[in-house]
N, C-alpha and C. Protein backbone atom coordinates (compact mmCIF):
# COMPACT_ATOMS: atom_id res chain seq x y z
N MET A 1 0.82 -1.20 0.00
CA MET A 1 0.00 0.00 0.00
C MET A 1 0.86 1.26 0.00
N GLY A 2 2.04 1.24 0.65
CA GLY A 2 2.87 2.42 0.77
C GLY A 2 3.33 2.99 -0.55
N GLY A 3 3.72 2.14 -1.52
CA GLY A 3 4.24 2.62 -2.77
C GLY A 3 3.20 2.71 -3.87
N GLU A 4 1.98 2.33 -3.58
CA GLU A 4 0.92 2.34 -4.59
C GLU A 4 0.54 3.77 -4.97
N THR A 5 0.36 4.00 -6.27
CA THR A 5 -0.11 5.29 -6.76
C THR A 5 -1.59 5.20 -7.04
N VAL A 6 -2.33 6.19 -6.54
CA VAL A 6 -3.78 6.24 -6.76
C VAL A 6 -4.13 7.59 -7.37
N ARG A 7 -5.30 7.63 -7.97
CA ARG A 7 -5.83 8.87 -8.56
C ARG A 7 -7.28 8.99 -8.15
N VAL A 8 -7.67 10.14 -7.63
CA VAL A 8 -9.06 10.38 -7.25
C VAL A 8 -9.50 11.73 -7.79
N THR A 9 -10.80 11.84 -7.99
CA THR A 9 -11.42 13.12 -8.29
C THR A 9 -12.34 13.43 -7.11
N MET A 10 -12.14 14.60 -6.52
CA MET A 10 -12.94 15.03 -5.38
C MET A 10 -13.75 16.26 -5.80
N PHE A 11 -15.04 16.19 -5.59
CA PHE A 11 -15.91 17.32 -5.88
C PHE A 11 -16.27 17.98 -4.55
N VAL A 12 -15.84 19.23 -4.39
CA VAL A 12 -15.99 19.95 -3.13
C VAL A 12 -17.11 20.97 -3.29
N ARG A 13 -18.12 20.86 -2.43
CA ARG A 13 -19.26 21.78 -2.46
C ARG A 13 -19.25 22.65 -1.22
N GLY A 14 -19.66 23.89 -1.39
CA GLY A 14 -19.73 24.86 -0.30
C GLY A 14 -19.40 26.23 -0.85
N SER A 15 -18.88 27.10 0.00
CA SER A 15 -18.42 28.42 -0.44
C SER A 15 -16.94 28.27 -0.79
N VAL A 16 -16.68 27.77 -1.99
CA VAL A 16 -15.31 27.42 -2.37
C VAL A 16 -14.82 28.10 -3.65
N GLN A 17 -15.63 28.96 -4.24
CA GLN A 17 -15.18 29.68 -5.44
C GLN A 17 -15.02 31.16 -5.10
N GLY A 18 -13.94 31.73 -5.62
CA GLY A 18 -13.69 33.16 -5.43
C GLY A 18 -13.14 33.50 -4.05
N VAL A 19 -12.59 32.52 -3.34
CA VAL A 19 -12.09 32.77 -1.98
C VAL A 19 -10.65 32.30 -1.78
N GLY A 20 -9.98 31.85 -2.85
CA GLY A 20 -8.62 31.36 -2.75
C GLY A 20 -8.52 29.86 -2.48
N PHE A 21 -9.63 29.16 -2.60
CA PHE A 21 -9.67 27.73 -2.29
C PHE A 21 -8.79 26.91 -3.23
N ARG A 22 -8.82 27.20 -4.53
CA ARG A 22 -8.00 26.45 -5.47
C ARG A 22 -6.52 26.68 -5.21
N TRP A 23 -6.13 27.91 -4.91
CA TRP A 23 -4.74 28.22 -4.59
C TRP A 23 -4.31 27.45 -3.36
N TRP A 24 -5.13 27.46 -2.31
CA TRP A 24 -4.83 26.74 -1.07
C TRP A 24 -4.70 25.24 -1.35
N THR A 25 -5.61 24.68 -2.14
CA THR A 25 -5.57 23.26 -2.47
C THR A 25 -4.29 22.92 -3.22
N ARG A 26 -3.90 23.75 -4.17
CA ARG A 26 -2.66 23.53 -4.92
C ARG A 26 -1.47 23.53 -3.97
N ALA A 27 -1.41 24.48 -3.05
CA ALA A 27 -0.28 24.56 -2.12
C ALA A 27 -0.20 23.30 -1.26
N ARG A 28 -1.33 22.84 -0.74
CA ARG A 28 -1.34 21.62 0.08
C ARG A 28 -0.94 20.40 -0.75
N ALA A 29 -1.46 20.30 -1.98
CA ALA A 29 -1.15 19.16 -2.85
C ALA A 29 0.34 19.11 -3.15
N LEU A 30 0.93 20.25 -3.45
CA LEU A 30 2.36 20.29 -3.74
C LEU A 30 3.17 19.90 -2.51
N GLU A 31 2.78 20.35 -1.33
CA GLU A 31 3.46 19.96 -0.10
C GLU A 31 3.42 18.45 0.10
N LEU A 32 2.32 17.83 -0.33
CA LEU A 32 2.14 16.39 -0.17
C LEU A 32 2.75 15.57 -1.32
N GLY A 33 3.29 16.26 -2.34
CA GLY A 33 3.91 15.57 -3.47
C GLY A 33 2.91 15.02 -4.46
N LEU A 34 1.73 15.60 -4.51
CA LEU A 34 0.69 15.14 -5.43
C LEU A 34 0.76 15.86 -6.76
N VAL A 35 0.22 15.24 -7.79
CA VAL A 35 0.05 15.87 -9.10
C VAL A 35 -1.44 15.92 -9.40
N GLY A 36 -1.82 16.86 -10.28
CA GLY A 36 -3.22 16.97 -10.66
C GLY A 36 -3.64 18.40 -10.88
N HIS A 37 -4.89 18.70 -10.53
CA HIS A 37 -5.39 20.06 -10.72
C HIS A 37 -6.59 20.33 -9.82
N ALA A 38 -6.90 21.62 -9.69
CA ALA A 38 -8.11 22.07 -9.02
C ALA A 38 -8.76 23.08 -9.95
N ARG A 39 -10.06 22.89 -10.22
CA ARG A 39 -10.74 23.83 -11.12
C ARG A 39 -12.17 24.06 -10.65
N ASN A 40 -12.66 25.26 -10.94
CA ASN A 40 -14.05 25.59 -10.66
C ASN A 40 -14.95 24.88 -11.66
N THR A 41 -16.13 24.48 -11.20
CA THR A 41 -17.13 23.92 -12.10
C THR A 41 -18.28 24.92 -12.22
N ALA A 42 -19.07 24.77 -13.26
CA ALA A 42 -20.16 25.71 -13.53
C ALA A 42 -21.22 25.71 -12.43
N ASP A 43 -21.34 24.63 -11.69
CA ASP A 43 -22.38 24.55 -10.65
C ASP A 43 -21.90 25.02 -9.28
N GLY A 44 -20.72 25.63 -9.20
CA GLY A 44 -20.24 26.22 -7.95
C GLY A 44 -19.32 25.34 -7.13
N ARG A 45 -19.08 24.12 -7.59
CA ARG A 45 -18.16 23.24 -6.88
C ARG A 45 -16.74 23.47 -7.37
N VAL A 46 -15.79 22.88 -6.65
CA VAL A 46 -14.41 22.81 -7.13
C VAL A 46 -14.09 21.33 -7.33
N GLU A 47 -13.56 21.01 -8.51
CA GLU A 47 -13.12 19.67 -8.83
C GLU A 47 -11.63 19.59 -8.55
N VAL A 48 -11.26 18.64 -7.70
CA VAL A 48 -9.85 18.42 -7.35
C VAL A 48 -9.47 17.03 -7.84
N VAL A 49 -8.52 16.96 -8.78
CA VAL A 49 -7.99 15.69 -9.24
C VAL A 49 -6.60 15.56 -8.63
N ALA A 50 -6.41 14.50 -7.85
CA ALA A 50 -5.14 14.31 -7.15
C ALA A 50 -4.61 12.91 -7.40
N GLN A 51 -3.32 12.84 -7.70
CA GLN A 51 -2.67 11.55 -7.95
C GLN A 51 -1.37 11.51 -7.17
N GLY A 52 -1.14 10.37 -6.50
CA GLY A 52 0.08 10.18 -5.73
C GLY A 52 -0.07 9.00 -4.81
N SER A 53 0.68 9.02 -3.73
CA SER A 53 0.62 7.91 -2.77
C SER A 53 -0.74 7.89 -2.07
N VAL A 54 -1.12 6.71 -1.62
CA VAL A 54 -2.38 6.56 -0.90
C VAL A 54 -2.41 7.51 0.30
N ALA A 55 -1.32 7.54 1.07
CA ALA A 55 -1.28 8.37 2.27
C ALA A 55 -1.43 9.86 1.95
N ALA A 56 -0.78 10.32 0.88
CA ALA A 56 -0.85 11.74 0.51
C ALA A 56 -2.24 12.11 0.03
N VAL A 57 -2.86 11.26 -0.77
CA VAL A 57 -4.21 11.54 -1.26
C VAL A 57 -5.19 11.55 -0.09
N GLU A 58 -5.05 10.59 0.82
CA GLU A 58 -5.93 10.55 1.99
C GLU A 58 -5.74 11.79 2.87
N ARG A 59 -4.51 12.27 2.99
CA ARG A 59 -4.24 13.47 3.79
C ARG A 59 -4.89 14.69 3.15
N LEU A 60 -4.78 14.82 1.82
CA LEU A 60 -5.42 15.96 1.16
C LEU A 60 -6.93 15.91 1.37
N GLU A 61 -7.51 14.74 1.22
CA GLU A 61 -8.96 14.62 1.45
C GLU A 61 -9.31 15.03 2.87
N ALA A 62 -8.52 14.59 3.84
CA ALA A 62 -8.77 14.96 5.24
C ALA A 62 -8.68 16.47 5.43
N LEU A 63 -7.71 17.12 4.79
CA LEU A 63 -7.58 18.57 4.90
C LEU A 63 -8.76 19.29 4.26
N LEU A 64 -9.27 18.73 3.16
CA LEU A 64 -10.44 19.34 2.52
C LEU A 64 -11.67 19.23 3.41
N ARG A 65 -11.81 18.12 4.12
CA ARG A 65 -12.98 17.87 4.97
C ARG A 65 -12.88 18.51 6.36
N GLU A 66 -11.68 18.79 6.82
CA GLU A 66 -11.43 19.22 8.19
C GLU A 66 -12.29 20.42 8.60
N ASP A 67 -12.97 20.29 9.73
CA ASP A 67 -13.83 21.36 10.22
C ASP A 67 -13.78 21.39 11.74
N PRO A 68 -13.22 22.44 12.32
CA PRO A 68 -12.66 23.61 11.63
C PRO A 68 -11.28 23.30 11.05
N SER A 69 -10.90 24.09 10.07
CA SER A 69 -9.62 23.90 9.40
C SER A 69 -8.48 24.35 10.32
N THR A 70 -7.46 23.52 10.42
CA THR A 70 -6.27 23.90 11.19
C THR A 70 -5.20 24.51 10.29
N THR A 71 -5.48 24.61 8.99
CA THR A 71 -4.50 25.12 8.03
C THR A 71 -5.00 26.36 7.29
N ARG A 72 -5.94 27.05 7.89
CA ARG A 72 -6.48 28.30 7.32
C ARG A 72 -7.06 28.11 5.93
N ARG A 73 -7.75 27.00 5.73
CA ARG A 73 -8.40 26.75 4.44
C ARG A 73 -9.44 27.84 4.20
N PRO A 74 -9.38 28.49 3.05
CA PRO A 74 -10.37 29.54 2.76
C PRO A 74 -11.73 28.94 2.41
N GLY A 75 -12.76 29.74 2.57
CA GLY A 75 -14.11 29.31 2.21
C GLY A 75 -14.71 28.41 3.27
N ARG A 76 -15.76 27.72 2.87
CA ARG A 76 -16.48 26.81 3.76
C ARG A 76 -16.84 25.57 2.97
N VAL A 77 -16.41 24.41 3.43
CA VAL A 77 -16.69 23.15 2.75
C VAL A 77 -17.90 22.50 3.38
N GLU A 78 -18.89 22.17 2.54
CA GLU A 78 -20.08 21.46 3.03
C GLU A 78 -19.93 19.96 2.82
N THR A 79 -19.54 19.55 1.61
CA THR A 79 -19.37 18.13 1.32
C THR A 79 -18.21 17.90 0.36
N VAL A 80 -17.67 16.70 0.45
CA VAL A 80 -16.62 16.25 -0.48
C VAL A 80 -17.05 14.87 -0.98
N VAL A 81 -17.22 14.75 -2.28
CA VAL A 81 -17.57 13.47 -2.90
C VAL A 81 -16.34 12.97 -3.64
N VAL A 82 -15.94 11.73 -3.37
CA VAL A 82 -14.71 11.18 -3.93
C VAL A 82 -15.04 10.08 -4.93
N GLN A 83 -14.41 10.17 -6.11
CA GLN A 83 -14.52 9.13 -7.12
C GLN A 83 -13.13 8.58 -7.40
N GLN A 84 -12.99 7.27 -7.33
CA GLN A 84 -11.71 6.63 -7.63
C GLN A 84 -11.45 6.67 -9.13
N GLY A 85 -10.20 6.81 -9.49
CA GLY A 85 -9.83 6.83 -10.90
C GLY A 85 -8.66 5.90 -11.16
N VAL A 86 -8.14 5.96 -12.36
CA VAL A 86 -7.00 5.15 -12.76
C VAL A 86 -5.80 6.08 -12.91
N PRO A 87 -4.69 5.79 -12.23
CA PRO A 87 -3.49 6.65 -12.36
C PRO A 87 -3.07 6.78 -13.82
N ARG A 88 -2.58 7.97 -14.17
CA ARG A 88 -2.13 8.25 -15.53
C ARG A 88 -0.64 8.50 -15.54
N ASP A 89 0.04 7.89 -16.48
CA ASP A 89 1.47 8.12 -16.66
C ASP A 89 1.70 9.51 -17.25
N GLY A 90 2.85 10.08 -16.95
CA GLY A 90 3.23 11.35 -17.55
C GLY A 90 2.57 12.56 -16.94
N THR A 91 1.86 12.40 -15.86
CA THR A 91 1.23 13.55 -15.19
C THR A 91 2.27 14.21 -14.28
N SER A 92 2.39 15.53 -14.35
CA SER A 92 3.33 16.22 -13.49
C SER A 92 2.73 17.54 -13.04
N GLY A 93 3.18 18.01 -11.90
CA GLY A 93 2.74 19.29 -11.37
C GLY A 93 1.31 19.25 -10.86
N PHE A 94 0.94 20.31 -10.17
CA PHE A 94 -0.43 20.48 -9.71
C PHE A 94 -0.80 21.92 -10.04
N VAL A 95 -1.86 22.09 -10.82
CA VAL A 95 -2.19 23.41 -11.34
C VAL A 95 -3.62 23.81 -10.98
N GLU A 96 -3.81 25.13 -10.99
CA GLU A 96 -5.15 25.69 -10.90
C GLU A 96 -5.64 25.88 -12.31
N ARG A 97 -6.87 25.45 -12.57
CA ARG A 97 -7.44 25.65 -13.90
C ARG A 97 -8.60 26.59 -13.81
């Protein structure tokens, strides 16, 4: 489990657009060594695609869900829905879209 690479898509609902949430998510993902992206969706959610170690992906999910936030997460998260994906080769960096 330690060396396994996983990929998930997390849909975050709440007051998460226009408050620096994607920037904060990118910073945490990079600290955790994850690759992927965070982008706003038309319905007001933020889509976070994260790929990396199981532990790092689980930590990012925990930080997204944490209430109250101990890391000054901007906005307010109501729910996080996680969908498992298939890791992709050649993915690098974590960007805001």
